[in-house]
Amino acid sequence: MQQASSAAPQLSYRGVLVIRLDHADAFRTV
C-alpha cells in the first residue's frame, strides 16, 4: 500500500476509489 502510494498517490487513490465506485455504479446503472 505504501509503495503504490509513493509511486502514484493520485493513481492509487483515484484508481482504487474509481474502480470500486465504478463497480458499484455499474450495478446501480444496470
N, C-alpha and C. Protein backbone atom coordinates (compact mmCIF):
# COMPACT_ATOMS: atom_id res chain seq x y z
N MET A 1 0.84 -1.20 0.00
CA MET A 1 0.00 0.00 0.00
C MET A 1 0.88 1.25 0.00
N GLN A 2 1.95 1.19 0.80
CA GLN A 2 2.83 2.36 0.87
C GLN A 2 3.58 2.53 -0.45
N GLN A 3 3.98 1.42 -1.04
CA GLN A 3 4.74 1.52 -2.30
C GLN A 3 3.88 2.15 -3.39
N ALA A 4 2.66 1.70 -3.51
CA ALA A 4 1.77 2.24 -4.54
C ALA A 4 1.50 3.72 -4.28
N SER A 5 1.32 4.06 -3.03
CA SER A 5 1.04 5.46 -2.67
C SER A 5 2.26 6.32 -2.99
N SER A 6 3.44 5.75 -2.81
CA SER A 6 4.67 6.51 -3.05
C SER A 6 4.91 6.65 -4.56
N ALA A 7 4.57 5.60 -5.29
CA ALA A 7 4.81 5.61 -6.74
C ALA A 7 3.76 6.48 -7.43
N ALA A 8 2.51 6.29 -7.08
CA ALA A 8 1.44 7.07 -7.72
C ALA A 8 0.28 7.26 -6.75
N PRO A 9 0.38 8.27 -5.90
CA PRO A 9 -0.67 8.53 -4.91
C PRO A 9 -2.00 8.86 -5.57
N GLN A 10 -1.94 9.69 -6.59
CA GLN A 10 -3.19 10.07 -7.27
C GLN A 10 -3.77 8.87 -8.00
N LEU A 11 -2.93 8.12 -8.69
CA LEU A 11 -3.42 6.97 -9.45
C LEU A 11 -3.97 5.92 -8.49
N SER A 12 -3.25 5.71 -7.40
CA SER A 12 -3.67 4.69 -6.42
C SER A 12 -5.00 5.11 -5.81
N TYR A 13 -5.07 6.32 -5.34
CA TYR A 13 -6.29 6.82 -4.70
C TYR A 13 -7.45 6.86 -5.70
N ARG A 14 -7.17 7.40 -6.86
CA ARG A 14 -8.24 7.51 -7.86
C ARG A 14 -8.53 6.14 -8.48
N GLY A 15 -7.49 5.37 -8.74
CA GLY A 15 -7.69 4.06 -9.34
C GLY A 15 -8.51 3.15 -8.45
N VAL A 16 -8.09 3.03 -7.20
CA VAL A 16 -8.81 2.14 -6.28
C VAL A 16 -10.22 2.65 -6.03
N LEU A 17 -10.32 3.94 -5.77
CA LEU A 17 -11.64 4.51 -5.47
C LEU A 17 -12.54 4.49 -6.70
N VAL A 18 -12.00 4.90 -7.82
CA VAL A 18 -12.79 4.93 -9.06
C VAL A 18 -13.22 3.52 -9.43
N ILE A 19 -12.29 2.57 -9.36
CA ILE A 19 -12.62 1.19 -9.71
C ILE A 19 -13.73 0.68 -8.81
N ARG A 20 -13.61 0.93 -7.52
CA ARG A 20 -14.62 0.44 -6.56
C ARG A 20 -15.95 1.14 -6.85
N LEU A 21 -15.88 2.42 -7.10
CA LEU A 21 -17.12 3.17 -7.37
C LEU A 21 -17.70 2.73 -8.71
N ASP A 22 -16.83 2.47 -9.65
CA ASP A 22 -17.29 2.02 -10.97
C ASP A 22 -18.07 0.72 -10.85
N HIS A 23 -17.57 -0.20 -10.06
CA HIS A 23 -18.24 -1.49 -9.88
C HIS A 23 -19.62 -1.29 -9.26
N ALA A 24 -19.67 -0.47 -8.22
CA ALA A 24 -20.95 -0.23 -7.54
C ALA A 24 -21.88 0.55 -8.46
N ASP A 25 -21.33 1.50 -9.18
CA ASP A 25 -22.14 2.31 -10.09
C ASP A 25 -22.68 1.44 -11.23
N ALA A 26 -21.86 0.55 -11.71
CA ALA A 26 -22.28 -0.34 -12.81
C ALA A 26 -23.51 -1.14 -12.38
N PHE A 27 -23.48 -1.61 -11.17
CA PHE A 27 -24.62 -2.40 -10.68
C PHE A 27 -25.88 -1.54 -10.59
N ARG A 28 -25.71 -0.31 -10.15
CA ARG A 28 -26.87 0.59 -9.99
C ARG A 28 -27.31 1.09 -11.37
N THR A 29 -26.36 1.31 -12.24
CA THR A 29 -26.73 1.80 -13.58
C THR A 29 -27.50 0.73 -14.33
N VAL A 30 -27.04 -0.50 -14.20
CA VAL A 30 -27.71 -1.61 -14.91
C VAL A 30 -29.08 -1.80 -14.28
